């Protein structure tokens, strides 16, 4: 499944493609729906879009939890990448 993320939106512009590729398809979909133009849509639109993309039912609670988990995973990956870079210097 190809997901096109707009890396110019917010924090994603500072994350390397390799880090984003470590995410599961569901995590990438959650990030995609929470950023860019979709990030400004009402929750009902986001949940409908998630259902369309994943073929599963989504509740606001599931979306919020999935987004929180994904953000924590991205934060840890970015910190690890930063730590690895500082070790090389």
C-alpha atoms as a PDB file:
ATOM      1  CA  UNK A   1       0.000   0.000   0.000  1.00  0.00           C
ATOM      2  CA  UNK A   2       1.485   3.331  -1.062  1.00  0.00           C
ATOM      3  CA  UNK A   3       0.852   6.278   1.207  1.00  0.00           C
ATOM      4  CA  UNK A   4       1.896   9.693   0.043  1.00  0.00           C
ATOM      5  CA  UNK A   5       2.812  11.850   3.022  1.00  0.00           C
ATOM      6  CA  UNK A   6       3.294  15.571   2.577  1.00  0.00           C
ATOM      7  CA  UNK A   7       6.650  15.984   4.278  1.00  0.00           C
ATOM      8  CA  UNK A   8       6.358  19.763   4.152  1.00  0.00           C
ATOM      9  CA  UNK A   9       3.592  19.761   6.746  1.00  0.00           C
ATOM     10  CA  UNK A  10       4.628  20.519  10.315  1.00  0.00           C
ATOM     11  CA  UNK A  11       6.964  18.208  12.154  1.00  0.00           C
ATOM     12  CA  UNK A  12       7.109  15.654   9.334  1.00  0.00           C
ATOM     13  CA  UNK A  13       9.480  17.821   7.332  1.00  0.00           C
ATOM     14  CA  UNK A  14      12.209  17.059   9.896  1.00  0.00           C
ATOM     15  CA  UNK A  15      11.715  13.289   9.902  1.00  0.00           C
ATOM     16  CA  UNK A  16      13.723  11.137   7.553  1.00  0.00           C
ATOM     17  CA  UNK A  17      11.902   8.871   5.133  1.00  0.00           C
ATOM     18  CA  UNK A  18      13.656   5.835   6.719  1.00  0.00           C
ATOM     19  CA  UNK A  19      12.026   6.626  10.073  1.00  0.00           C
ATOM     20  CA  UNK A  20       8.585   6.972   8.475  1.00  0.00           C
ATOM     21  CA  UNK A  21       9.095   3.655   6.692  1.00  0.00           C
ATOM     22  CA  UNK A  22       9.369   1.887  10.077  1.00  0.00           C
ATOM     23  CA  UNK A  23       5.702   2.640  10.746  1.00  0.00           C
ATOM     24  CA  UNK A  24       3.024   0.037  10.102  1.00  0.00           C
ATOM     25  CA  UNK A  25       0.490   0.736   7.341  1.00  0.00           C
ATOM     26  CA  UNK A  26      -2.112   1.629   9.995  1.00  0.00           C
ATOM     27  CA  UNK A  27       0.292   4.048  11.711  1.00  0.00           C
ATOM     28  CA  UNK A  28       1.160   5.705   8.395  1.00  0.00           C
ATOM     29  CA  UNK A  29      -2.548   6.076   7.647  1.00  0.00           C
ATOM     30  CA  UNK A  30      -3.180   7.679  11.053  1.00  0.00           C
ATOM     31  CA  UNK A  31      -0.321  10.137  10.459  1.00  0.00           C
ATOM     32  CA  UNK A  32      -1.567  10.871   6.967  1.00  0.00           C
ATOM     33  CA  UNK A  33      -5.089  11.674   8.186  1.00  0.00           C
ATOM     34  CA  UNK A  34      -3.813  13.862  11.033  1.00  0.00           C
ATOM     35  CA  UNK A  35      -1.540  16.062   8.892  1.00  0.00           C
ATOM     36  CA  UNK A  36      -1.862  18.242   5.853  1.00  0.00           C
ATOM     37  CA  UNK A  37      -5.285  19.169   4.543  1.00  0.00           C
ATOM     38  CA  UNK A  38      -6.933  16.238   6.331  1.00  0.00           C
ATOM     39  CA  UNK A  39      -5.675  17.562   9.663  1.00  0.00           C
ATOM     40  CA  UNK A  40      -8.065  20.507   9.331  1.00  0.00           C
ATOM     41  CA  UNK A  41     -11.147  18.372   8.637  1.00  0.00           C
ATOM     42  CA  UNK A  42     -13.772  17.492  11.272  1.00  0.00           C
ATOM     43  CA  UNK A  43     -13.295  14.207  13.127  1.00  0.00           C
ATOM     44  CA  UNK A  44     -16.243  12.596  11.342  1.00  0.00           C
ATOM     45  CA  UNK A  45     -14.512  13.163   7.991  1.00  0.00           C
ATOM     46  CA  UNK A  46     -11.234  11.754   9.340  1.00  0.00           C
ATOM     47  CA  UNK A  47     -12.970   8.664  10.716  1.00  0.00           C
ATOM     48  CA  UNK A  48     -14.756   8.094   7.398  1.00  0.00           C
ATOM     49  CA  UNK A  49     -11.506   8.458   5.510  1.00  0.00           C
ATOM     50  CA  UNK A  50      -9.763   6.022   7.882  1.00  0.00           C
ATOM     51  CA  UNK A  51     -12.575   3.503   7.339  1.00  0.00           C
ATOM     52  CA  UNK A  52     -12.254   3.909   3.585  1.00  0.00           C
ATOM     53  CA  UNK A  53      -8.465   3.416   3.661  1.00  0.00           C
ATOM     54  CA  UNK A  54      -8.264   0.554   6.170  1.00  0.00           C
ATOM     55  CA  UNK A  55     -11.645  -1.161   5.538  1.00  0.00           C
ATOM     56  CA  UNK A  56     -12.180  -1.194   9.332  1.00  0.00           C
ATOM     57  CA  UNK A  57     -14.482   0.749  11.652  1.00  0.00           C
ATOM     58  CA  UNK A  58     -12.874   3.640  13.497  1.00  0.00           C
ATOM     59  CA  UNK A  59     -14.060   5.465  16.589  1.00  0.00           C
ATOM     60  CA  UNK A  60     -12.702   8.770  17.787  1.00  0.00           C
ATOM     61  CA  UNK A  61     -11.213   6.963  20.796  1.00  0.00           C
ATOM     62  CA  UNK A  62      -9.398   4.429  18.586  1.00  0.00           C
ATOM     63  CA  UNK A  63      -8.098   7.224  16.351  1.00  0.00           C
ATOM     64  CA  UNK A  64      -6.831   9.300  19.291  1.00  0.00           C
ATOM     65  CA  UNK A  65      -5.118   6.292  20.895  1.00  0.00           C
ATOM     66  CA  UNK A  66      -3.556   5.221  17.599  1.00  0.00           C
ATOM     67  CA  UNK A  67      -2.328   8.763  16.958  1.00  0.00           C
ATOM     68  CA  UNK A  68      -0.852   8.997  20.466  1.00  0.00           C
ATOM     69  CA  UNK A  69       0.951   5.650  20.086  1.00  0.00           C
ATOM     70  CA  UNK A  70       2.249   6.610  16.658  1.00  0.00           C
ATOM     71  CA  UNK A  71       3.499  10.003  17.838  1.00  0.00           C
ATOM     72  CA  UNK A  72       5.334   8.372  20.759  1.00  0.00           C
ATOM     73  CA  UNK A  73       6.883   5.841  18.373  1.00  0.00           C
ATOM     74  CA  UNK A  74       7.989   8.618  16.010  1.00  0.00           C
ATOM     75  CA  UNK A  75       9.377  10.667  18.903  1.00  0.00           C
ATOM     76  CA  UNK A  76      11.434   7.681  20.113  1.00  0.00           C
ATOM     77  CA  UNK A  77      12.691   6.975  16.588  1.00  0.00           C
ATOM     78  CA  UNK A  78      13.715  10.601  16.054  1.00  0.00           C
ATOM     79  CA  UNK A  79      15.480  10.692  19.434  1.00  0.00           C
ATOM     80  CA  UNK A  80      17.330   7.451  18.595  1.00  0.00           C
ATOM     81  CA  UNK A  81      18.341   8.855  15.212  1.00  0.00           C
ATOM     82  CA  UNK A  82      19.513  12.071  16.842  1.00  0.00           C
ATOM     83  CA  UNK A  83      21.467  10.123  19.469  1.00  0.00           C
ATOM     84  CA  UNK A  84      23.056   7.976  16.762  1.00  0.00           C
ATOM     85  CA  UNK A  85      24.050  11.114  14.827  1.00  0.00           C
ATOM     86  CA  UNK A  86      25.582  12.732  17.915  1.00  0.00           C
ATOM     87  CA  UNK A  87      27.599   9.560  18.556  1.00  0.00           C
ATOM     88  CA  UNK A  88      29.060   9.814  15.045  1.00  0.00           C
ATOM     89  CA  UNK A  89      30.210  13.412  15.553  1.00  0.00           C
END
